[in-house]
Amino acid sequence: MASDSRDVLARIDTEKERYLEELKDYIRIPSISTDPDYKQEVLRAGDFLVGKMREAGLQAERIDTAGHPLVYAEWLGAPGKPTVLFYGHYDVQPVDPIELWRNPPFEPTVEGDKLVARGATDDKGQSYAHLKAVAAMLAERGSLPVNVKFLVEGEEEAGGQAIEEYVRQDGGRRLAADCVVISDSSLFAPGQPALVYGLKGLCYMEIKVTGPNRDLHSGTFGGAVWNPLNALCHIVDRLRDAETGKILIPGFYDDVRPLEAWEREEFAKLPWDEAAYRSELGVPRLFGEEGYTTRERTWARPTCDVNGIFGGYMGKGAKTVLPSWGGAKVSMRLVPDQDPKKIASLFTDYVHAVAPEGVTVEVTNLHGADPVVVEVKGPIVDAALDAMEEIWGARPVRIREGGSIPIVSTFASVLKCPVLLLGFGLNDDGLHSPNEKFNISHFYNGIRSVARMLDRLSSL
């Protein structure tokens, strides 16, 4: 077996443009999992992936669930060698606001080294790199140096309930592996890869405030009843302190695991340009919890943010209406050892406590995910880091990430093996935003990194 991977890397260079065209076809499928109108498109994306896995030489199937399907594939022709489980998701975020896209969001557009489209980096482009590395190896050699399994879900952006149930019911039988590889994150900086060892959890809530039994004329009835949108803004304003950034929900911080001294030291050593950060975001100043640096707040401290407020008249021009109801969606990013269910209960109690009399408040827990810190030591981790260093020219640094990948904690607890979070994206990729992009060179380097990692793992 060519342990130096030169044969496979040469094939990747020869076929990389074809891989890119396949990725474009994959991205063109608008697999928006949160919108029921796109259910058939989500199914089509899953079937596309099954087809490409079979073309590569894997045994693959679509696993239908109560939600969106899972895609499973395997190649187990290397007895006695390690087994790698690749995870990804083929669903994508909605595209709103559509008017801010430079081009149609599901028509991949090449802008220099950038592929611009919804799902380019989150997570079609990154996870497709896993498959193309395996496909290149099988095409070049007819076999793999290790065993591989794939589990790709279609509802990560909608809570991931189906995969959570599947992994727990499986209990590590079909999914047994020596490590899990996930590429749904970013490099620390251009040219500097990262191994993410901590992810935030999530508690996602919706508030609905109801007032009068119909919309009212704001002149005739203004001053007589609580305007539900005014009441909603009152509630939202009580969620956090405007000066200190502290979240005001009683008990919210009770279970927060403090940052360890070595983490604060490591974070402080990483390069940081606050002025450039502000400039890139287009804000005059940064804001967050007092006593912590921006990086500590985004990576390792809990947050509470309003994701949307709706209700009343939102069209062009003026309409003097006092709306009968209003709503808000609120996400709380959690850190170890916070429990999403406990936080949801605390949030619900607090919202009811601060709501003014004269309105009815309904609080709904939409979904949650556990925070996680994973082990980043051992020979499997070293093999992955060595492979990344070879391809990217720099050894990955250890970082946390402010995002959530709900299934990571489940993999860690059920499969009891290292979970390697090795992303190929960049922080400016605009995931969840208009004009999401993925650097084409990073797509190719992702494929090369996976191929090199599989060869390195074969010697363990």
Protein backbone atom coordinates (compact mmCIF):
# COMPACT_ATOMS: atom_id res chain seq x y z
CA MET A 1 0.00 0.00 0.00
CA ALA A 2 1.34 3.42 -0.91
CA SER A 3 1.57 4.85 2.59
CA ASP A 4 2.86 8.19 1.30
CA SER A 5 -0.41 8.71 -0.65
CA ARG A 6 1.35 10.03 -3.76
CA ASP A 7 -0.73 7.85 -6.05
CA VAL A 8 -4.04 9.04 -4.60
CA LEU A 9 -2.98 12.67 -4.39
CA ALA A 10 -2.04 12.55 -8.07
CA ARG A 11 -5.48 11.19 -8.95
CA ILE A 12 -7.14 13.89 -6.88
CA ASP A 13 -5.22 16.57 -8.81
CA THR A 14 -6.25 14.97 -12.10
CA GLU A 15 -9.95 14.70 -11.21
CA LYS A 16 -10.47 17.69 -8.92
CA GLU A 17 -12.41 19.72 -11.48
CA ARG A 18 -14.84 16.85 -11.93
CA TYR A 19 -15.25 16.69 -8.15
CA LEU A 20 -16.09 20.40 -8.17
CA GLU A 21 -18.77 19.94 -10.85
CA GLU A 22 -20.31 17.13 -8.78
CA LEU A 23 -20.35 19.40 -5.74
CA LYS A 24 -22.14 22.08 -7.78
CA ASP A 25 -24.84 19.55 -8.77
CA TYR A 26 -25.20 18.57 -5.11
CA ILE A 27 -25.52 22.19 -4.01
CA ARG A 28 -28.16 22.93 -6.67
CA ILE A 29 -30.61 20.78 -4.71
CA PRO A 30 -32.37 23.17 -2.28
CA SER A 31 -32.45 20.79 0.69
CA ILE A 32 -33.86 23.22 3.28
CA SER A 33 -34.81 20.95 6.17
CA THR A 34 -36.67 23.50 8.30
CA ASP A 35 -39.28 24.30 5.62
CA PRO A 36 -41.88 21.55 4.92
CA ASP A 37 -42.30 22.88 1.38
CA TYR A 38 -38.81 21.54 0.60
CA LYS A 39 -39.34 18.00 1.87
CA GLN A 40 -39.02 16.45 -1.58
CA GLU A 41 -35.82 18.39 -2.23
CA VAL A 42 -34.33 17.06 1.01
CA LEU A 43 -35.19 13.54 -0.17
CA ARG A 44 -33.62 14.28 -3.55
CA ALA A 45 -30.38 15.43 -1.90
CA GLY A 46 -30.22 12.25 0.14
CA ASP A 47 -30.78 10.11 -2.94
CA PHE A 48 -28.10 12.07 -4.83
CA LEU A 49 -25.63 11.26 -2.06
CA VAL A 50 -26.56 7.57 -2.02
CA GLY A 51 -25.96 7.44 -5.78
CA LYS A 52 -22.52 9.03 -5.52
CA MET A 53 -21.55 6.70 -2.68
CA ARG A 54 -22.50 3.67 -4.75
CA GLU A 55 -20.60 5.05 -7.74
CA ALA A 56 -17.53 5.27 -5.51
CA GLY A 57 -17.80 1.59 -4.58
CA LEU A 58 -19.48 1.81 -1.19
CA GLN A 59 -22.49 -0.10 0.02
CA ALA A 60 -24.98 2.70 0.62
CA GLU A 61 -28.61 3.12 1.59
CA ARG A 62 -31.16 5.75 2.54
CA ILE A 63 -32.61 5.19 5.99
CA ASP A 64 -36.07 6.72 6.26
CA THR A 65 -37.06 8.13 9.65
CA ALA A 66 -39.94 10.00 11.20
CA GLY A 67 -38.10 13.12 10.08
CA HIS A 68 -35.73 13.54 7.16
CA PRO A 69 -33.72 10.49 6.04
CA LEU A 70 -30.24 9.43 7.06
CA VAL A 71 -27.73 8.22 4.51
CA TYR A 72 -25.50 5.33 5.55
CA ALA A 73 -22.60 3.78 3.64
CA GLU A 74 -19.69 1.49 4.40
CA TRP A 75 -16.60 -0.25 3.06
CA LEU A 76 -15.29 -2.90 5.45
CA GLY A 77 -12.66 -4.66 3.39
CA ALA A 78 -9.68 -4.03 5.70
CA PRO A 79 -9.98 -6.54 8.56
CA GLY A 80 -7.79 -5.75 11.54
CA LYS A 81 -7.41 -2.12 10.53
CA PRO A 82 -9.02 0.89 12.22
CA THR A 83 -12.54 1.99 11.28
CA VAL A 84 -13.34 5.63 10.57
CA LEU A 85 -16.90 6.94 10.77
CA PHE A 86 -17.48 10.10 8.71
CA TYR A 87 -20.34 12.37 9.71
CA GLY A 88 -21.90 15.25 7.79
CA HIS A 89 -25.26 16.76 6.88
CA TYR A 90 -26.83 17.32 3.50
CA ASP A 91 -29.54 19.75 4.61
CA VAL A 92 -29.05 23.51 4.50
CA GLN A 93 -30.33 26.70 6.08
CA PRO A 94 -33.07 28.86 4.52
CA VAL A 95 -31.80 31.59 2.19
CA ASP A 96 -33.59 34.65 3.61
CA PRO A 97 -33.09 37.52 3.02
CA ILE A 98 -33.04 36.53 -0.65
CA GLU A 99 -32.50 40.12 -1.86
CA LEU A 100 -29.00 40.21 -0.33
CA TRP A 101 -27.68 37.37 -2.50
CA ARG A 102 -25.51 38.47 -5.40
CA ASN A 103 -26.71 35.46 -7.41
CA PRO A 104 -29.44 32.81 -6.98
CA PRO A 105 -28.47 30.96 -3.77
CA PHE A 106 -28.80 27.49 -5.27
CA GLU A 107 -26.89 28.27 -8.45
CA PRO A 108 -23.22 27.84 -7.43
CA THR A 109 -21.18 30.79 -8.67
CA VAL A 110 -17.39 30.80 -8.95
CA GLU A 111 -15.84 34.08 -7.83
CA GLY A 112 -12.07 33.59 -8.06
CA ASP A 113 -11.23 30.88 -5.53
CA LYS A 114 -14.68 31.09 -3.95
CA LEU A 115 -17.70 28.91 -4.64
CA VAL A 116 -20.71 30.99 -3.58
CA ALA A 117 -24.00 29.20 -2.81
CA ARG A 118 -26.16 28.02 0.08
CA GLY A 119 -24.60 24.88 1.53
CA ALA A 120 -21.19 25.47 -0.06
CA THR A 121 -19.40 25.27 3.29
CA ASP A 122 -22.24 24.24 5.67
CA ASP A 123 -22.00 21.35 5.13
CA LYS A 124 -22.20 19.98 1.61
CA GLY A 125 -18.77 21.14 0.46
CA GLN A 126 -16.90 20.08 3.58
CA SER A 127 -18.54 16.68 4.00
CA TYR A 128 -18.40 15.90 0.27
CA ALA A 129 -14.61 16.14 0.59
CA HIS A 130 -14.77 13.00 2.79
CA LEU A 131 -16.53 11.04 0.06
CA LYS A 132 -14.26 12.24 -2.73
CA ALA A 133 -11.15 11.19 -0.81
CA VAL A 134 -12.56 7.71 -0.35
CA ALA A 135 -13.70 7.61 -3.99
CA ALA A 136 -10.23 8.61 -5.21
CA MET A 137 -8.59 5.87 -3.13
CA LEU A 138 -10.97 3.18 -4.36
CA ALA A 139 -10.61 4.31 -7.96
CA GLU A 140 -6.81 4.36 -7.76
CA ARG A 141 -6.17 1.25 -5.67
CA GLY A 142 -9.36 -0.78 -5.68
CA SER A 143 -9.30 -0.84 -1.89
CA LEU A 144 -8.89 1.33 1.20
CA PRO A 145 -6.14 1.20 3.85
CA VAL A 146 -8.75 1.25 6.64
CA ASN A 147 -12.45 0.56 7.05
CA VAL A 148 -14.85 3.45 6.54
CA LYS A 149 -18.45 4.21 7.42
CA PHE A 150 -20.55 7.25 6.57
CA LEU A 151 -23.57 8.59 8.43
CA VAL A 152 -24.96 11.75 6.84
CA GLU A 153 -28.15 13.36 8.11
CA GLY A 154 -30.81 15.54 6.52
CA GLU A 155 -32.01 17.59 9.47
CA GLU A 156 -28.99 19.00 11.31
CA GLU A 157 -30.33 22.49 10.71
CA ALA A 158 -33.70 21.43 12.15
CA GLY A 159 -32.57 19.86 15.42
CA GLY A 160 -31.22 16.45 14.38
CA GLN A 161 -33.75 14.32 16.26
CA ALA A 162 -33.67 11.40 13.81
CA ILE A 163 -29.93 10.84 13.96
CA GLU A 164 -29.94 11.23 17.74
CA GLU A 165 -32.48 8.42 18.06
CA TYR A 166 -30.72 6.26 15.47
CA VAL A 167 -27.29 6.46 17.12
CA ARG A 168 -28.66 5.75 20.59
CA GLN A 169 -30.77 2.81 19.37
CA ASP A 170 -27.80 1.42 17.45
CA GLY A 171 -25.71 1.54 20.62
CA GLY A 172 -22.42 1.24 18.77
CA ARG A 173 -23.18 -1.97 16.91
CA ARG A 174 -23.45 -1.03 13.24
CA LEU A 175 -21.73 2.29 13.89
CA ALA A 176 -18.79 0.90 15.90
CA ALA A 177 -15.66 2.87 15.00
CA ASP A 178 -12.22 3.82 16.24
CA CYS A 179 -12.84 7.49 15.56
CA VAL A 180 -15.44 9.86 14.14
CA VAL A 181 -14.36 12.53 11.66
CA ILE A 182 -16.48 15.67 11.27
CA SER A 183 -15.78 18.61 8.97
CA ASP A 184 -18.43 21.20 9.80
CA SER A 185 -16.23 23.91 11.26
CA SER A 186 -13.45 26.28 10.20
CA LEU A 187 -9.72 26.68 10.16
CA PHE A 188 -8.50 29.00 12.88
CA ALA A 189 -7.27 31.41 10.20
CA PRO A 190 -6.22 31.24 6.55
CA GLY A 191 -3.38 28.72 6.34
CA GLN A 192 -3.79 27.69 10.00
CA PRO A 193 -5.88 24.53 10.53
CA ALA A 194 -7.52 23.79 13.86
CA LEU A 195 -8.69 20.83 15.89
CA VAL A 196 -11.90 21.87 17.62
CA TYR A 197 -12.20 20.24 21.05
CA GLY A 198 -15.24 22.07 22.40
CA LEU A 199 -18.65 22.96 20.99
CA LYS A 200 -21.46 24.91 22.58
CA GLY A 201 -24.83 23.39 23.19
CA LEU A 202 -28.10 25.02 22.22
CA CYS A 203 -31.44 25.85 23.73
CA TYR A 204 -33.77 27.32 21.11
CA MET A 205 -37.02 28.88 22.33
CA GLU A 206 -39.99 30.72 20.88
CA ILE A 207 -42.07 33.33 22.70
CA LYS A 208 -45.59 34.25 21.59
CA VAL A 209 -47.35 37.18 23.24
CA THR A 210 -51.09 37.58 22.64
CA GLY A 211 -53.19 40.62 23.51
CA PRO A 212 -56.59 41.64 22.10
CA ASN A 213 -58.68 39.17 20.09
CA ARG A 214 -58.04 41.06 16.82
CA ASP A 215 -55.79 43.74 15.36
CA LEU A 216 -56.90 47.16 16.56
CA HIS A 217 -56.76 50.73 15.23
CA SER A 218 -53.80 52.26 17.04
CA GLY A 219 -55.54 55.61 17.36
CA THR A 220 -58.90 54.39 18.60
CA PHE A 221 -57.54 51.77 20.99
CA GLY A 222 -53.98 53.02 21.67
CA GLY A 223 -53.50 53.58 25.41
CA ALA A 224 -56.27 51.17 26.35
CA VAL A 225 -54.49 47.79 26.15
CA TRP A 226 -51.00 46.38 26.22
CA ASN A 227 -49.61 46.24 22.70
CA PRO A 228 -48.26 42.66 22.44
CA LEU A 229 -45.18 43.83 20.53
CA ASN A 230 -44.42 46.41 23.22
CA ALA A 231 -44.84 43.69 25.84
CA LEU A 232 -42.58 41.39 23.83
CA CYS A 233 -39.87 44.05 23.65
CA HIS A 234 -40.21 44.54 27.42
CA ILE A 235 -39.62 40.79 27.93
CA VAL A 236 -36.68 40.66 25.54
CA ASP A 237 -35.07 43.68 27.19
CA ARG A 238 -35.09 41.83 30.52
CA LEU A 239 -33.10 38.86 29.21
CA ARG A 240 -29.66 40.46 29.64
CA ASP A 241 -28.00 43.48 31.21
CA ALA A 242 -27.22 46.14 28.61
CA GLU A 243 -24.10 47.30 30.47
CA THR A 244 -22.42 44.10 31.67
CA GLY A 245 -23.75 41.66 29.07
CA LYS A 246 -24.76 39.29 31.87
CA ILE A 247 -27.78 37.07 31.22
CA LEU A 248 -30.43 37.85 33.84
CA ILE A 249 -32.33 34.54 33.95
CA PRO A 250 -32.08 33.29 37.57
CA GLY A 251 -29.97 30.12 37.82
CA PHE A 252 -28.67 30.43 34.24
CA TYR A 253 -24.99 30.31 35.27
CA ASP A 254 -25.32 27.77 38.08
CA ASP A 255 -23.84 24.83 36.14
CA VAL A 256 -21.39 26.68 33.88
CA ARG A 257 -17.98 24.99 33.88
CA PRO A 258 -15.32 27.68 34.30
CA LEU A 259 -12.55 28.06 31.75
CA GLU A 260 -9.41 26.33 32.93
CA ALA A 261 -6.21 28.34 33.30
CA TRP A 262 -4.44 26.50 30.47
CA GLU A 263 -7.32 27.29 28.11
CA ARG A 264 -7.21 31.00 28.82
CA GLU A 265 -3.43 30.92 28.34
CA GLU A 266 -3.71 29.04 25.02
CA PHE A 267 -6.45 31.32 23.72
CA ALA A 268 -4.39 34.39 24.64
CA LYS A 269 -1.41 33.11 22.64
CA LEU A 270 -3.41 32.91 19.42
CA PRO A 271 -3.15 35.97 17.16
CA TRP A 272 -5.98 38.47 17.56
CA ASP A 273 -6.66 41.82 15.89
CA GLU A 274 -9.72 43.40 17.47
CA ALA A 275 -9.74 46.36 15.08
CA ALA A 276 -9.73 44.06 12.06
CA TYR A 277 -12.44 41.93 13.64
CA ARG A 278 -14.67 44.97 14.19
CA SER A 279 -13.98 46.22 10.69
CA GLU A 280 -14.84 42.88 9.09
CA LEU A 281 -18.14 42.82 11.00
CA GLY A 282 -18.87 46.49 10.34
CA VAL A 283 -19.56 47.41 13.99
CA PRO A 284 -18.18 50.38 15.97
CA ARG A 285 -17.52 48.38 19.15
CA LEU A 286 -17.72 44.85 20.49
CA PHE A 287 -20.10 43.79 23.26
CA GLY A 288 -20.37 40.82 25.56
CA GLU A 289 -20.05 39.49 29.08
CA GLU A 290 -17.69 41.54 31.24
CA GLY A 291 -14.52 39.87 32.50
CA TYR A 292 -13.85 37.80 29.39
CA THR A 293 -12.10 38.37 26.10
CA THR A 294 -14.04 38.24 22.85
CA ARG A 295 -12.58 34.85 22.03
CA GLU A 296 -13.43 33.47 25.48
CA ARG A 297 -16.99 34.75 25.14
CA THR A 298 -17.55 33.32 21.67
CA TRP A 299 -15.88 29.99 22.34
CA ALA A 300 -16.53 29.16 25.98
CA ARG A 301 -19.13 31.38 27.65
CA PRO A 302 -22.92 30.99 27.32
CA THR A 303 -24.95 33.50 25.32
CA CYS A 304 -28.58 34.56 24.85
CA ASP A 305 -29.66 36.17 21.58
CA VAL A 306 -32.89 37.08 19.82
CA ASN A 307 -32.88 35.53 16.35
CA GLY A 308 -36.06 37.13 15.08
CA ILE A 309 -39.05 39.27 16.11
CA PHE A 310 -42.31 39.14 14.17
CA GLY A 311 -45.91 40.31 14.30
CA GLY A 312 -48.00 43.30 13.31
CA TYR A 313 -47.59 45.17 10.05
CA MET A 314 -44.27 44.55 8.27
CA GLY A 315 -45.11 45.65 4.72
CA LYS A 316 -44.06 48.81 2.90
CA GLY A 317 -45.44 52.16 3.96
CA ALA A 318 -47.55 52.76 7.06
CA LYS A 319 -50.44 50.92 8.64
CA THR A 320 -51.60 52.20 12.02
CA VAL A 321 -52.32 48.85 13.59
CA LEU A 322 -52.10 47.66 17.16
CA PRO A 323 -51.37 43.95 16.54
CA SER A 324 -53.16 41.18 18.37
CA TRP A 325 -49.98 39.16 18.82
CA GLY A 326 -46.22 39.17 18.42
CA GLY A 327 -43.46 36.61 18.63
CA ALA A 328 -39.71 36.14 19.00
CA LYS A 329 -37.24 33.32 18.55
CA VAL A 330 -34.41 33.17 21.08
CA SER A 331 -31.32 30.98 21.04
CA MET A 332 -29.06 30.32 24.00
CA ARG A 333 -25.66 28.83 23.30
CA LEU A 334 -24.62 26.67 26.23
CA VAL A 335 -21.30 25.47 27.62
CA PRO A 336 -20.33 22.37 29.61
CA ASP A 337 -22.14 21.39 32.08
CA GLN A 338 -25.34 23.27 31.23
CA ASP A 339 -28.42 21.15 30.49
CA PRO A 340 -30.63 22.39 27.61
CA LYS A 341 -33.79 21.06 29.28
CA LYS A 342 -33.01 22.79 32.56
CA ILE A 343 -32.19 26.05 30.76
CA ALA A 344 -35.46 25.81 28.81
CA SER A 345 -37.37 25.48 32.07
CA LEU A 346 -35.54 28.40 33.67
CA PHE A 347 -36.14 30.54 30.58
CA THR A 348 -39.85 29.69 30.50
CA ASP A 349 -40.34 30.54 34.18
CA TYR A 350 -38.46 33.80 33.82
CA VAL A 351 -40.35 34.96 30.73
CA HIS A 352 -43.67 34.38 32.49
CA ALA A 353 -42.36 36.19 35.58
CA VAL A 354 -41.31 39.37 33.73
CA ALA A 355 -44.25 39.48 31.30
CA PRO A 356 -46.60 42.43 32.01
CA GLU A 357 -50.20 41.82 33.03
CA GLY A 358 -52.68 42.32 30.23
CA VAL A 359 -51.13 39.85 27.75
CA THR A 360 -50.97 36.08 27.49
CA VAL A 361 -47.55 34.50 26.99
CA GLU A 362 -46.78 31.12 25.45
CA VAL A 363 -43.21 29.76 25.51
CA THR A 364 -42.20 26.81 23.31
CA ASN A 365 -38.98 24.79 23.44
CA LEU A 366 -38.16 24.20 19.75
CA HIS A 367 -35.01 22.11 20.17
CA GLY A 368 -31.75 21.79 22.06
CA ALA A 369 -28.30 20.23 21.99
CA ASP A 370 -25.81 19.33 24.68
CA PRO A 371 -22.48 21.16 24.88
CA VAL A 372 -19.42 18.97 24.56
CA VAL A 373 -15.68 18.90 25.18
CA VAL A 374 -13.87 16.00 23.47
CA GLU A 375 -10.53 14.30 24.03
CA VAL A 376 -7.74 15.58 21.75
CA LYS A 377 -4.88 13.23 22.63
CA GLY A 378 -3.71 9.83 21.47
CA PRO A 379 -2.28 8.11 18.36
CA ILE A 380 -5.45 8.51 16.26
CA VAL A 381 -5.53 12.23 17.00
CA ASP A 382 -1.82 12.52 16.21
CA ALA A 383 -2.30 10.77 12.86
CA ALA A 384 -5.03 13.22 11.92
CA LEU A 385 -2.97 16.22 13.02
CA ASP A 386 0.06 14.96 11.09
CA ALA A 387 -2.05 14.59 7.94
CA MET A 388 -3.46 18.09 8.26
CA GLU A 389 0.00 19.53 8.86
CA GLU A 390 1.35 17.84 5.72
CA ILE A 391 -1.39 19.21 3.48
CA TRP A 392 -1.91 22.68 4.99
CA GLY A 393 1.70 23.40 5.98
CA ALA A 394 0.92 24.16 9.64
CA ARG A 395 0.10 22.04 12.68
CA PRO A 396 -3.51 22.43 13.83
CA VAL A 397 -4.07 24.50 16.97
CA ARG A 398 -6.57 23.42 19.63
CA ILE A 399 -9.59 25.69 19.85
CA ARG A 400 -13.21 25.74 20.93
CA GLU A 401 -16.04 26.83 18.66
CA GLY A 402 -19.16 28.85 19.39
CA GLY A 403 -21.39 26.78 17.14
CA SER A 404 -23.31 23.60 17.89
CA ILE A 405 -23.22 20.20 16.20
CA PRO A 406 -25.91 18.34 18.17
CA ILE A 407 -24.73 14.82 17.40
CA VAL A 408 -21.14 15.24 18.66
CA SER A 409 -21.90 14.64 22.32
CA THR A 410 -24.00 11.61 21.37
CA PHE A 411 -21.18 10.11 19.31
CA ALA A 412 -18.76 10.67 22.18
CA SER A 413 -21.00 9.05 24.79
CA VAL A 414 -22.36 6.14 22.70
CA LEU A 415 -19.39 5.18 20.53
CA LYS A 416 -16.76 6.00 23.17
CA CYS A 417 -14.10 6.92 20.63
CA PRO A 418 -12.29 10.13 19.65
CA VAL A 419 -14.40 12.66 17.73
CA LEU A 420 -12.14 14.67 15.41
CA LEU A 421 -13.57 18.05 14.45
CA LEU A 422 -11.35 19.04 11.53
CA GLY A 423 -12.93 21.79 9.46
CA PHE A 424 -11.85 23.07 6.06
CA GLY A 425 -13.86 26.31 6.01
CA LEU A 426 -13.03 29.86 7.06
CA ASN A 427 -14.67 32.13 9.60
CA ASP A 428 -15.72 34.51 6.83
CA ASP A 429 -17.55 31.82 4.83
CA GLY A 430 -20.89 33.36 5.79
CA LEU A 431 -22.62 30.14 6.82
CA HIS A 432 -26.30 30.83 7.61
CA SER A 433 -25.93 34.19 5.80
CA PRO A 434 -26.44 35.47 2.25
CA ASN A 435 -23.57 34.78 -0.14
CA GLU A 436 -22.26 31.78 1.79
CA LYS A 437 -19.03 30.59 0.21
CA PHE A 438 -16.38 27.87 0.35
CA ASN A 439 -12.87 28.35 -0.97
CA ILE A 440 -12.37 25.92 -3.83
CA SER A 441 -8.74 25.38 -2.82
CA HIS A 442 -9.98 24.38 0.65
CA PHE A 443 -12.34 21.83 -0.90
CA TYR A 444 -9.39 20.26 -2.70
CA ASN A 445 -7.16 20.40 0.39
CA GLY A 446 -9.94 18.80 2.40
CA ILE A 447 -9.99 15.86 0.00
CA ARG A 448 -6.20 15.57 0.19
CA SER A 449 -6.23 15.78 4.00
CA VAL A 450 -8.71 12.93 4.35
CA ALA A 451 -6.79 10.71 1.96
CA ARG A 452 -3.55 11.36 3.80
CA MET A 453 -5.22 10.74 7.17
CA LEU A 454 -6.60 7.36 6.08
CA ASP A 455 -3.16 6.21 4.96
CA ARG A 456 -1.61 7.36 8.24
CA LEU A 457 -4.29 5.58 10.28
CA SER A 458 -3.55 2.32 8.49
CA SER A 459 -0.25 2.01 10.35
CA LEU A 460 -1.87 2.07 13.81
